[in-house]
Amino acid sequence: MKSIITVVGKDQVGIIAGVCTHLSKNKVNVLDINQSIVEGYFNMFMIVEISEKGSNFNEISKGLNDLSFSMGVEITMQRKELFDEMYKISRRSLWFIMMMFLKQKVWLNTKT
């Protein structure tokens, strides 16, 4: 099962090592990773695949939550399917808002 992991917090030594060590112990494969540091804040986005032979989603997520507290960063993990659906919803909402704005603008122009 593919999942999305995000890590955000004040930059410090060992964030990537801590997260990747936890994932490795739980037989989670990192498929893609992108990280940056912006004005001293660490941001990381990972796509991972949970092995059927390793720990389950809830165990891995709980371990990341514990790691989050010990490192002082925010770590979230969600199933890729859920992430994809949330993105679709947010795009639909943005499209709806833009269409309503354009309709209102056209309506206001016809009233003057």
PDB file of N, CA and C in Angstrom:
ATOM      1  N   MET A   1       0.838  -1.167   0.000  1.00  0.00           N
ATOM      2  CA  MET A   1       0.000   0.000   0.000  1.00  0.00           C
ATOM      3  C   MET A   1       0.893   1.244   0.000  1.00  0.00           C
ATOM      4  N   LYS A   2       0.570   2.189  -0.885  1.00  0.00           N
ATOM      5  CA  LYS A   2       1.328   3.434  -0.944  1.00  0.00           C
ATOM      6  C   LYS A   2       0.754   4.437   0.045  1.00  0.00           C
ATOM      7  N   SER A   3       1.654   5.223   0.638  1.00  0.00           N
ATOM      8  CA  SER A   3       1.260   6.250   1.596  1.00  0.00           C
ATOM      9  C   SER A   3       2.089   7.499   1.380  1.00  0.00           C
ATOM     10  N   ILE A   4       1.576   8.608   1.910  1.00  0.00           N
ATOM     11  CA  ILE A   4       2.252   9.897   1.829  1.00  0.00           C
ATOM     12  C   ILE A   4       2.680  10.284   3.242  1.00  0.00           C
ATOM     13  N   ILE A   5       3.937  10.672   3.388  1.00  0.00           N
ATOM     14  CA  ILE A   5       4.454  11.134   4.672  1.00  0.00           C
ATOM     15  C   ILE A   5       4.963  12.553   4.482  1.00  0.00           C
ATOM     16  N   THR A   6       4.570  13.446   5.391  1.00  0.00           N
ATOM     17  CA  THR A   6       5.096  14.808   5.379  1.00  0.00           C
ATOM     18  C   THR A   6       5.754  15.081   6.728  1.00  0.00           C
ATOM     19  N   VAL A   7       6.845  15.839   6.675  1.00  0.00           N
ATOM     20  CA  VAL A   7       7.565  16.214   7.884  1.00  0.00           C
ATOM     21  C   VAL A   7       7.838  17.710   7.806  1.00  0.00           C
ATOM     22  N   VAL A   8       7.454  18.443   8.845  1.00  0.00           N
ATOM     23  CA  VAL A   8       7.668  19.886   8.891  1.00  0.00           C
ATOM     24  C   VAL A   8       8.134  20.258  10.290  1.00  0.00           C
ATOM     25  N   GLY A   9       9.134  21.122  10.363  1.00  0.00           N
ATOM     26  CA  GLY A   9       9.585  21.585  11.670  1.00  0.00           C
ATOM     27  C   GLY A   9      10.877  22.362  11.565  1.00  0.00           C
ATOM     28  N   LYS A  10      11.338  22.840  12.687  1.00  0.00           N
ATOM     29  CA  LYS A  10      12.598  23.572  12.752  1.00  0.00           C
ATOM     30  C   LYS A  10      13.718  22.619  12.330  1.00  0.00           C
ATOM     31  N   ASP A  11      14.589  23.087  11.461  1.00  0.00           N
ATOM     32  CA  ASP A  11      15.656  22.227  10.942  1.00  0.00           C
ATOM     33  C   ASP A  11      16.600  21.806  12.061  1.00  0.00           C
ATOM     34  N   GLN A  12      16.993  20.545  12.012  1.00  0.00           N
ATOM     35  CA  GLN A  12      17.959  19.997  12.962  1.00  0.00           C
ATOM     36  C   GLN A  12      18.615  18.766  12.351  1.00  0.00           C
ATOM     37  N   VAL A  13      19.728  18.399  12.886  1.00  0.00           N
ATOM     38  CA  VAL A  13      20.451  17.221  12.409  1.00  0.00           C
ATOM     39  C   VAL A  13      19.657  15.961  12.742  1.00  0.00           C
ATOM     40  N   GLY A  14      19.544  15.053  11.767  1.00  0.00           N
ATOM     41  CA  GLY A  14      18.999  13.730  12.025  1.00  0.00           C
ATOM     42  C   GLY A  14      17.539  13.508  11.685  1.00  0.00           C
ATOM     43  N   ILE A  15      16.858  14.507  11.116  1.00  0.00           N
ATOM     44  CA  ILE A  15      15.436  14.314  10.805  1.00  0.00           C
ATOM     45  C   ILE A  15      15.257  13.203   9.765  1.00  0.00           C
ATOM     46  N   ILE A  16      15.965  13.325   8.647  1.00  0.00           N
ATOM     47  CA  ILE A  16      15.831  12.320   7.590  1.00  0.00           C
ATOM     48  C   ILE A  16      16.278  10.956   8.102  1.00  0.00           C
ATOM     49  N   ALA A  17      17.383  10.918   8.822  1.00  0.00           N
ATOM     50  CA  ALA A  17      17.894   9.652   9.352  1.00  0.00           C
ATOM     51  C   ALA A  17      16.884   9.011  10.296  1.00  0.00           C
ATOM     52  N   GLY A  18      16.272   9.797  11.166  1.00  0.00           N
ATOM     53  CA  GLY A  18      15.298   9.261  12.119  1.00  0.00           C
ATOM     54  C   GLY A  18      14.081   8.676  11.432  1.00  0.00           C
ATOM     55  N   VAL A  19      13.542   9.425  10.473  1.00  0.00           N
ATOM     56  CA  VAL A  19      12.351   8.961   9.763  1.00  0.00           C
ATOM     57  C   VAL A  19      12.676   7.716   8.938  1.00  0.00           C
ATOM     58  N   CYS A  20      13.769   7.769   8.195  1.00  0.00           N
ATOM     59  CA  CYS A  20      14.128   6.634   7.326  1.00  0.00           C
ATOM     60  C   CYS A  20      14.503   5.395   8.134  1.00  0.00           C
ATOM     61  N   THR A  21      15.126   5.567   9.289  1.00  0.00           N
ATOM     62  CA  THR A  21      15.447   4.424  10.147  1.00  0.00           C
ATOM     63  C   THR A  21      14.163   3.743  10.621  1.00  0.00           C
ATOM     64  N   HIS A  22      13.188   4.548  11.051  1.00  0.00           N
ATOM     65  CA  HIS A  22      11.902   3.990  11.485  1.00  0.00           C
ATOM     66  C   HIS A  22      11.227   3.239  10.337  1.00  0.00           C
ATOM     67  N   LEU A  23      11.241   3.835   9.149  1.00  0.00           N
ATOM     68  CA  LEU A  23      10.607   3.190   8.002  1.00  0.00           C
ATOM     69  C   LEU A  23      11.313   1.881   7.644  1.00  0.00           C
ATOM     70  N   SER A  24      12.624   1.894   7.661  1.00  0.00           N
ATOM     71  CA  SER A  24      13.396   0.701   7.332  1.00  0.00           C
ATOM     72  C   SER A  24      13.113  -0.443   8.311  1.00  0.00           C
ATOM     73  N   LYS A  25      13.032  -0.125   9.587  1.00  0.00           N
ATOM     74  CA  LYS A  25      12.739  -1.149  10.597  1.00  0.00           C
ATOM     75  C   LYS A  25      11.368  -1.781  10.391  1.00  0.00           C
ATOM     76  N   ASN A  26      10.475  -1.035   9.762  1.00  0.00           N
ATOM     77  CA  ASN A  26       9.115  -1.519   9.533  1.00  0.00           C
ATOM     78  C   ASN A  26       8.885  -2.008   8.109  1.00  0.00           C
ATOM     79  N   LYS A  27       9.978  -2.225   7.367  1.00  0.00           N
ATOM     80  CA  LYS A  27       9.918  -2.759   6.002  1.00  0.00           C
ATOM     81  C   LYS A  27       9.138  -1.854   5.042  1.00  0.00           C
ATOM     82  N   VAL A  28       9.324  -0.549   5.201  1.00  0.00           N
ATOM     83  CA  VAL A  28       8.674   0.429   4.335  1.00  0.00           C
ATOM     84  C   VAL A  28       9.705   0.927   3.329  1.00  0.00           C
ATOM     85  N   ASN A  29       9.351   0.867   2.046  1.00  0.00           N
ATOM     86  CA  ASN A  29      10.246   1.301   0.978  1.00  0.00           C
ATOM     87  C   ASN A  29       9.937   2.753   0.596  1.00  0.00           C
ATOM     88  N   VAL A  30      10.969   3.583   0.530  1.00  0.00           N
ATOM     89  CA  VAL A  30      10.811   4.972   0.102  1.00  0.00           C
ATOM     90  C   VAL A  30      10.863   4.998  -1.422  1.00  0.00           C
ATOM     91  N   LEU A  31       9.751   5.387  -2.050  1.00  0.00           N
ATOM     92  CA  LEU A  31       9.670   5.437  -3.509  1.00  0.00           C
ATOM     93  C   LEU A  31      10.132   6.783  -4.058  1.00  0.00           C
ATOM     94  N   ASP A  32       9.816   7.851  -3.334  1.00  0.00           N
ATOM     95  CA  ASP A  32      10.187   9.195  -3.772  1.00  0.00           C
ATOM     96  C   ASP A  32      10.306  10.076  -2.546  1.00  0.00           C
ATOM     97  N   ILE A  33      11.231  11.010  -2.602  1.00  0.00           N
ATOM     98  CA  ILE A  33      11.443  11.912  -1.471  1.00  0.00           C
ATOM     99  C   ILE A  33      11.859  13.275  -2.001  1.00  0.00           C
ATOM    100  N   ASN A  34      11.303  14.307  -1.389  1.00  0.00           N
ATOM    101  CA  ASN A  34      11.659  15.673  -1.735  1.00  0.00           C
ATOM    102  C   ASN A  34      11.752  16.441  -0.429  1.00  0.00           C
ATOM    103  N   GLN A  35      12.858  17.139  -0.226  1.00  0.00           N
ATOM    104  CA  GLN A  35      12.999  17.899   1.002  1.00  0.00           C
ATOM    105  C   GLN A  35      13.645  19.241   0.705  1.00  0.00           C
ATOM    106  N   SER A  36      13.302  20.206   1.526  1.00  0.00           N
ATOM    107  CA  SER A  36      13.895  21.533   1.389  1.00  0.00           C
ATOM    108  C   SER A  36      13.951  22.184   2.758  1.00  0.00           C
ATOM    109  N   ILE A  37      14.778  23.207   2.853  1.00  0.00           N
ATOM    110  CA  ILE A  37      14.867  24.001   4.066  1.00  0.00           C
ATOM    111  C   ILE A  37      14.580  25.438   3.654  1.00  0.00           C
ATOM    112  N   VAL A  38      13.561  26.017   4.267  1.00  0.00           N
ATOM    113  CA  VAL A  38      13.150  27.378   3.954  1.00  0.00           C
ATOM    114  C   VAL A  38      13.237  28.202   5.235  1.00  0.00           C
ATOM    115  N   GLU A  39      14.139  29.172   5.247  1.00  0.00           N
ATOM    116  CA  GLU A  39      14.343  30.062   6.399  1.00  0.00           C
ATOM    117  C   GLU A  39      14.458  29.294   7.712  1.00  0.00           C
ATOM    118  N   GLY A  40      15.215  28.204   7.685  1.00  0.00           N
ATOM    119  CA  GLY A  40      15.458  27.421   8.890  1.00  0.00           C
ATOM    120  C   GLY A  40      14.406  26.380   9.219  1.00  0.00           C
ATOM    121  N   TYR A  41      13.402  26.259   8.363  1.00  0.00           N
ATOM    122  CA  TYR A  41      12.356  25.250   8.576  1.00  0.00           C
ATOM    123  C   TYR A  41      12.498  24.127   7.566  1.00  0.00           C
ATOM    124  N   PHE A  42      12.470  22.914   8.093  1.00  0.00           N
ATOM    125  CA  PHE A  42      12.640  21.702   7.301  1.00  0.00           C
ATOM    126  C   PHE A  42      11.287  21.243   6.783  1.00  0.00           C
ATOM    127  N   ASN A  43      11.216  20.911   5.490  1.00  0.00           N
ATOM    128  CA  ASN A  43       9.997  20.397   4.858  1.00  0.00           C
ATOM    129  C   ASN A  43      10.370  19.147   4.069  1.00  0.00           C
ATOM    130  N   MET A  44       9.636  18.052   4.288  1.00  0.00           N
ATOM    131  CA  MET A  44       9.910  16.834   3.534  1.00  0.00           C
ATOM    132  C   MET A  44       8.588  16.182   3.132  1.00  0.00           C
ATOM    133  N   PHE A  45       8.557  15.697   1.909  1.00  0.00           N
ATOM    134  CA  PHE A  45       7.400  15.004   1.346  1.00  0.00           C
ATOM    135  C   PHE A  45       7.906  13.675   0.820  1.00  0.00           C
ATOM    136  N   MET A  46       7.289  12.588   1.259  1.00  0.00           N
ATOM    137  CA  MET A  46       7.730  11.254   0.844  1.00  0.00           C
ATOM    138  C   MET A  46       6.550  10.442   0.327  1.00  0.00           C
ATOM    139  N   ILE A  47       6.817   9.655  -0.696  1.00  0.00           N
ATOM    140  CA  ILE A  47       5.873   8.626  -1.116  1.00  0.00           C
ATOM    141  C   ILE A  47       6.535   7.303  -0.768  1.00  0.00           C
ATOM    142  N   VAL A  48       5.819   6.488   0.006  1.00  0.00           N
ATOM    143  CA  VAL A  48       6.388   5.229   0.482  1.00  0.00           C
ATOM    144  C   VAL A  48       5.442   4.079   0.159  1.00  0.00           C
ATOM    145  N   GLU A  49       5.993   2.888   0.196  1.00  0.00           N
ATOM    146  CA  GLU A  49       5.172   1.689  -0.011  1.00  0.00           C
ATOM    147  C   GLU A  49       5.379   0.756   1.168  1.00  0.00           C
ATOM    148  N   ILE A  50       4.268   0.382   1.800  1.00  0.00           N
ATOM    149  CA  ILE A  50       4.308  -0.494   2.960  1.00  0.00           C
ATOM    150  C   ILE A  50       4.294  -1.938   2.481  1.00  0.00           C
ATOM    151  N   SER A  51       5.286  -2.690   2.909  1.00  0.00           N
ATOM    152  CA  SER A  51       5.413  -4.092   2.528  1.00  0.00           C
ATOM    153  C   SER A  51       4.386  -4.942   3.276  1.00  0.00           C
ATOM    154  N   GLU A  52       3.880  -5.949   2.601  1.00  0.00           N
ATOM    155  CA  GLU A  52       2.946  -6.879   3.257  1.00  0.00           C
ATOM    156  C   GLU A  52       3.653  -7.674   4.347  1.00  0.00           C
ATOM    157  N   LYS A  53       4.976  -7.779   4.278  1.00  0.00           N
ATOM    158  CA  LYS A  53       5.738  -8.545   5.251  1.00  0.00           C
ATOM    159  C   LYS A  53       6.128  -7.718   6.471  1.00  0.00           C
ATOM    160  N   GLY A  54       5.902  -6.409   6.407  1.00  0.00           N
ATOM    161  CA  GLY A  54       6.287  -5.530   7.510  1.00  0.00           C
ATOM    162  C   GLY A  54       5.116  -5.186   8.408  1.00  0.00           C
ATOM    163  N   SER A  55       5.287  -4.103   9.136  1.00  0.00           N
ATOM    164  CA  SER A  55       4.252  -3.623  10.049  1.00  0.00           C
ATOM    165  C   SER A  55       3.073  -3.066   9.262  1.00  0.00           C
ATOM    166  N   ASN A  56       1.927  -2.931   9.931  1.00  0.00           N
ATOM    167  CA  ASN A  56       0.769  -2.379   9.243  1.00  0.00           C
ATOM    168  C   ASN A  56       0.754  -0.842   9.349  1.00  0.00           C
ATOM    169  N   PHE A  57      -0.155  -0.232   8.631  1.00  0.00           N
ATOM    170  CA  PHE A  57      -0.245   1.222   8.551  1.00  0.00           C
ATOM    171  C   PHE A  57      -0.350   1.862   9.935  1.00  0.00           C
ATOM    172  N   ASN A  58      -1.225   1.334  10.783  1.00  0.00           N
ATOM    173  CA  ASN A  58      -1.442   1.923  12.107  1.00  0.00           C
ATOM    174  C   ASN A  58      -0.202   1.857  12.988  1.00  0.00           C
ATOM    175  N   GLU A  59       0.521   0.746  12.951  1.00  0.00           N
ATOM    176  CA  GLU A  59       1.745   0.606  13.743  1.00  0.00           C
ATOM    177  C   GLU A  59       2.808   1.598  13.269  1.00  0.00           C
ATOM    178  N   ILE A  60       2.958   1.716  11.959  1.00  0.00           N
ATOM    179  CA  ILE A  60       3.956   2.631  11.401  1.00  0.00           C
ATOM    180  C   ILE A  60       3.586   4.074  11.737  1.00  0.00           C
ATOM    181  N   SER A  61       2.317   4.397  11.586  1.00  0.00           N
ATOM    182  CA  SER A  61       1.841   5.747  11.872  1.00  0.00           C
ATOM    183  C   SER A  61       2.044   6.107  13.344  1.00  0.00           C
ATOM    184  N   LYS A  62       1.759   5.167  14.241  1.00  0.00           N
ATOM    185  CA  LYS A  62       1.964   5.420  15.670  1.00  0.00           C
ATOM    186  C   LYS A  62       3.436   5.653  15.971  1.00  0.00           C
ATOM    187  N   GLY A  63       4.298   4.856  15.361  1.00  0.00           N
ATOM    188  CA  GLY A  63       5.737   5.035  15.554  1.00  0.00           C
ATOM    189  C   GLY A  63       6.216   6.388  15.047  1.00  0.00           C
ATOM    190  N   LEU A  64       5.671   6.831  13.910  1.00  0.00           N
ATOM    191  CA  LEU A  64       6.029   8.151  13.387  1.00  0.00           C
ATOM    192  C   LEU A  64       5.512   9.252  14.305  1.00  0.00           C
ATOM    193  N   ASN A  65       4.345   9.030  14.887  1.00  0.00           N
ATOM    194  CA  ASN A  65       3.791   9.999  15.833  1.00  0.00           C
ATOM    195  C   ASN A  65       4.694  10.125  17.059  1.00  0.00           C
ATOM    196  N   ASP A  66       5.153   8.989  17.581  1.00  0.00           N
ATOM    197  CA  ASP A  66       6.086   9.004  18.719  1.00  0.00           C
ATOM    198  C   ASP A  66       7.377   9.710  18.348  1.00  0.00           C
ATOM    199  N   LEU A  67       7.891   9.415  17.155  1.00  0.00           N
ATOM    200  CA  LEU A  67       9.111  10.056  16.660  1.00  0.00           C
ATOM    201  C   LEU A  67       8.911  11.563  16.521  1.00  0.00           C
ATOM    202  N   SER A  68       7.725  11.947  16.080  1.00  0.00           N
ATOM    203  CA  SER A  68       7.382  13.354  15.924  1.00  0.00           C
ATOM    204  C   SER A  68       7.556  14.102  17.244  1.00  0.00           C
ATOM    205  N   PHE A  69       7.041  13.530  18.327  1.00  0.00           N
ATOM    206  CA  PHE A  69       7.158  14.165  19.639  1.00  0.00           C
ATOM    207  C   PHE A  69       8.601  14.215  20.109  1.00  0.00           C
ATOM    208  N   SER A  70       9.343  13.138  19.914  1.00  0.00           N
ATOM    209  CA  SER A  70      10.719  13.101  20.405  1.00  0.00           C
ATOM    210  C   SER A  70      11.644  14.040  19.634  1.00  0.00           C
ATOM    211  N   MET A  71      11.353  14.276  18.357  1.00  0.00           N
ATOM    212  CA  MET A  71      12.205  15.148  17.543  1.00  0.00           C
ATOM    213  C   MET A  71      11.717  16.596  17.505  1.00  0.00           C
ATOM    214  N   GLY A  72      10.490  16.825  17.918  1.00  0.00           N
ATOM    215  CA  GLY A  72       9.971  18.182  17.904  1.00  0.00           C
ATOM    216  C   GLY A  72       9.591  18.678  16.520  1.00  0.00           C
ATOM    217  N   VAL A  73       9.170  17.753  15.653  1.00  0.00           N
ATOM    218  CA  VAL A  73       8.694  18.110  14.313  1.00  0.00           C
ATOM    219  C   VAL A  73       7.306  17.512  14.130  1.00  0.00           C
ATOM    220  N   GLU A  74       6.604  17.964  13.098  1.00  0.00           N
ATOM    221  CA  GLU A  74       5.279  17.406  12.811  1.00  0.00           C
ATOM    222  C   GLU A  74       5.405  16.391  11.681  1.00  0.00           C
ATOM    223  N   ILE A  75       5.027  15.161  11.962  1.00  0.00           N
ATOM    224  CA  ILE A  75       5.075  14.096  10.963  1.00  0.00           C
ATOM    225  C   ILE A  75       3.655  13.572  10.768  1.00  0.00           C
ATOM    226  N   THR A  76       3.207  13.565   9.523  1.00  0.00           N
ATOM    227  CA  THR A  76       1.891  13.005   9.223  1.00  0.00           C
ATOM    228  C   THR A  76       2.040  11.921   8.172  1.00  0.00           C
ATOM    229  N   MET A  77       1.183  10.928   8.268  1.00  0.00           N
ATOM    230  CA  MET A  77       1.177   9.837   7.292  1.00  0.00           C
ATOM    231  C   MET A  77      -0.276   9.565   6.921  1.00  0.00           C
ATOM    232  N   GLN A  78      -0.541   9.483   5.637  1.00  0.00           N
ATOM    233  CA  GLN A  78      -1.900   9.159   5.192  1.00  0.00           C
ATOM    234  C   GLN A  78      -1.834   8.267   3.964  1.00  0.00           C
ATOM    235  N   ARG A  79      -2.855   7.484   3.813  1.00  0.00           N
ATOM    236  CA  ARG A  79      -2.922   6.593   2.658  1.00  0.00           C
ATOM    237  C   ARG A  79      -2.973   7.422   1.379  1.00  0.00           C
ATOM    238  N   LYS A  80      -2.279   6.966   0.354  1.00  0.00           N
ATOM    239  CA  LYS A  80      -2.216   7.709  -0.903  1.00  0.00           C
ATOM    240  C   LYS A  80      -3.602   7.894  -1.518  1.00  0.00           C
ATOM    241  N   GLU A  81      -4.458   6.882  -1.411  1.00  0.00           N
ATOM    242  CA  GLU A  81      -5.804   6.993  -1.979  1.00  0.00           C
ATOM    243  C   GLU A  81      -6.575   8.143  -1.327  1.00  0.00           C
ATOM    244  N   LEU A  82      -6.460   8.267  -0.016  1.00  0.00           N
ATOM    245  CA  LEU A  82      -7.132   9.345   0.698  1.00  0.00           C
ATOM    246  C   LEU A  82      -6.552  10.698   0.289  1.00  0.00           C
ATOM    247  N   PHE A  83      -5.241  10.769   0.198  1.00  0.00           N
ATOM    248  CA  PHE A  83      -4.569  12.001  -0.220  1.00  0.00           C
ATOM    249  C   PHE A  83      -5.037  12.416  -1.612  1.00  0.00           C
ATOM    250  N   ASP A  84      -5.113  11.461  -2.535  1.00  0.00           N
ATOM    251  CA  ASP A  84      -5.557  11.754  -3.901  1.00  0.00           C
ATOM    252  C   ASP A  84      -6.993  12.268  -3.915  1.00  0.00           C
ATOM    253  N   GLU A  85      -7.874  11.653  -3.127  1.00  0.00           N
ATOM    254  CA  GLU A  85      -9.271  12.094  -3.079  1.00  0.00           C
ATOM    255  C   GLU A  85      -9.396  13.487  -2.481  1.00  0.00           C
ATOM    256  N   MET A  86      -8.615  13.779  -1.439  1.00  0.00           N
ATOM    257  CA  MET A  86      -8.653  15.112  -0.837  1.00  0.00           C
ATOM    258  C   MET A  86      -8.203  16.163  -1.845  1.00  0.00           C
ATOM    259  N   TYR A  87      -7.209  15.829  -2.647  1.00  0.00           N
ATOM    260  CA  TYR A  87      -6.719  16.759  -3.659  1.00  0.00           C
ATOM    261  C   TYR A  87      -7.797  17.021  -4.703  1.00  0.00           C
ATOM    262  N   LYS A  88      -8.517  15.966  -5.104  1.00  0.00           N
ATOM    263  CA  LYS A  88      -9.604  16.140  -6.075  1.00  0.00           C
ATOM    264  C   LYS A  88     -10.683  17.059  -5.521  1.00  0.00           C
ATOM    265  N   ILE A  89     -11.039  16.863  -4.251  1.00  0.00           N
ATOM    266  CA  ILE A  89     -12.064  17.694  -3.623  1.00  0.00           C
ATOM    267  C   ILE A  89     -11.612  19.144  -3.570  1.00  0.00           C
ATOM    268  N   SER A  90     -10.372  19.385  -3.167  1.00  0.00           N
ATOM    269  CA  SER A  90      -9.894  20.767  -3.065  1.00  0.00           C
ATOM    270  C   SER A  90      -9.837  21.425  -4.440  1.00  0.00           C
ATOM    271  N   ARG A  91      -9.492  20.670  -5.476  1.00  0.00           N
ATOM    272  CA  ARG A  91      -9.484  21.232  -6.829  1.00  0.00           C
ATOM    273  C   ARG A  91     -10.894  21.551  -7.288  1.00  0.00           C
ATOM    274  N   ARG A  92     -11.864  20.674  -6.978  1.00  0.00           N
ATOM    275  CA  ARG A  92     -13.259  20.935  -7.345  1.00  0.00           C
ATOM    276  C   ARG A  92     -13.774  22.180  -6.636  1.00  0.00           C
ATOM    277  N   SER A  93     -13.422  22.337  -5.359  1.00  0.00           N
ATOM    278  CA  SER A  93     -13.863  23.508  -4.602  1.00  0.00           C
ATOM    279  C   SER A  93     -13.299  24.780  -5.199  1.00  0.00           C
ATOM    280  N   LEU A  94     -12.020  24.758  -5.557  1.00  0.00           N
ATOM    281  CA  LEU A  94     -11.399  25.931  -6.174  1.00  0.00           C
ATOM    282  C   LEU A  94     -12.067  26.245  -7.502  1.00  0.00           C
ATOM    283  N   TRP A  95     -12.359  25.236  -8.303  1.00  0.00           N
ATOM    284  CA  TRP A  95     -13.025  25.438  -9.587  1.00  0.00           C
ATOM    285  C   TRP A  95     -14.399  26.049  -9.367  1.00  0.00           C
ATOM    286  N   PHE A  96     -15.140  25.531  -8.380  1.00  0.00           N
ATOM    287  CA  PHE A  96     -16.476  26.043  -8.083  1.00  0.00           C
ATOM    288  C   PHE A  96     -16.415  27.513  -7.654  1.00  0.00           C
ATOM    289  N   ILE A  97     -15.492  27.852  -6.788  1.00  0.00           N
ATOM    290  CA  ILE A  97     -15.349  29.237  -6.325  1.00  0.00           C
ATOM    291  C   ILE A  97     -15.019  30.155  -7.490  1.00  0.00           C
ATOM    292  N   MET A  98     -14.120  29.739  -8.356  1.00  0.00           N
ATOM    293  CA  MET A  98     -13.752  30.573  -9.513  1.00  0.00           C
ATOM    294  C   MET A  98     -14.943  30.758 -10.446  1.00  0.00           C
ATOM    295  N   MET A  99     -15.709  29.696 -10.677  1.00  0.00           N
ATOM    296  CA  MET A  99     -16.870  29.814 -11.557  1.00  0.00           C
ATOM    297  C   MET A  99     -17.912  30.758 -10.960  1.00  0.00           C
ATOM    298  N   MET A 100     -18.151  30.676  -9.668  1.00  0.00           N
ATOM    299  CA  MET A 100     -19.114  31.571  -9.021  1.00  0.00           C
ATOM    300  C   MET A 100     -18.640  33.017  -9.093  1.00  0.00           C
ATOM    301  N   PHE A 101     -17.342  33.231  -8.927  1.00  0.00           N
ATOM    302  CA  PHE A 101     -16.785  34.575  -9.017  1.00  0.00           C
ATOM    303  C   PHE A 101     -16.989  35.137 -10.423  1.00  0.00           C
ATOM    304  N   LEU A 102     -16.699  34.317 -11.435  1.00  0.00           N
ATOM    305  CA  LEU A 102     -16.851  34.782 -12.817  1.00  0.00           C
ATOM    306  C   LEU A 102     -18.313  35.055 -13.150  1.00  0.00           C
ATOM    307  N   LYS A 103     -19.218  34.200 -12.683  1.00  0.00           N
ATOM    308  CA  LYS A 103     -20.647  34.425 -12.924  1.00  0.00           C
ATOM    309  C   LYS A 103     -21.116  35.708 -12.236  1.00  0.00           C
ATOM    310  N   GLN A 104     -20.622  35.939 -11.017  1.00  0.00           N
ATOM    311  CA  GLN A 104     -20.997  37.151 -10.301  1.00  0.00           C
ATOM    312  C   GLN A 104     -20.459  38.390 -11.023  1.00  0.00           C
ATOM    313  N   LYS A 105     -19.245  38.299 -11.512  1.00  0.00           N
ATOM    314  CA  LYS A 105     -18.642  39.415 -12.233  1.00  0.00           C
ATOM    315  C   LYS A 105     -19.433  39.715 -13.506  1.00  0.00           C
ATOM    316  N   VAL A 106     -19.828  38.702 -14.240  1.00  0.00           N
ATOM    317  CA  VAL A 106     -20.634  38.889 -15.450  1.00  0.00           C
ATOM    318  C   VAL A 106     -21.981  39.495 -15.079  1.00  0.00           C
ATOM    319  N   TRP A 107     -22.592  38.975 -14.006  1.00  0.00           N
ATOM    320  CA  TRP A 107     -23.892  39.489 -13.564  1.00  0.00           C
ATOM    321  C   TRP A 107     -23.787  40.957 -13.159  1.00  0.00           C
ATOM    322  N   LEU A 108     -22.719  41.324 -12.443  1.00  0.00           N
ATOM    323  CA  LEU A 108     -22.554  42.729 -12.035  1.00  0.00           C
ATOM    324  C   LEU A 108     -22.333  43.635 -13.240  1.00  0.00           C
ATOM    325  N   ASN A 109     -21.617  43.137 -14.222  1.00  0.00           N
ATOM    326  CA  ASN A 109     -21.372  43.935 -15.432  1.00  0.00           C
ATOM    327  C   ASN A 109     -22.660  44.170 -16.224  1.00  0.00           C
ATOM    328  N   THR A 110     -23.584  43.239 -16.163  1.00  0.00           N
ATOM    329  CA  THR A 110     -24.846  43.414 -16.908  1.00  0.00           C
ATOM    330  C   THR A 110     -25.796  44.350 -16.176  1.00  0.00           C
ATOM    331  N   LYS A 111     -25.570  44.589 -14.872  1.00  0.00           N
ATOM    332  CA  LYS A 111     -26.454  45.452 -14.089  1.00  0.00           C
ATOM    333  C   LYS A 111     -26.047  46.922 -14.177  1.00  0.00           C
ATOM    334  N   THR A 112     -24.890  47.223 -14.695  1.00  0.00           N
ATOM    335  CA  THR A 112     -24.460  48.632 -14.777  1.00  0.00           C
ATOM    336  C   THR A 112     -24.789  49.250 -16.108  1.00  0.00           C
TER     337      THR A 112
END
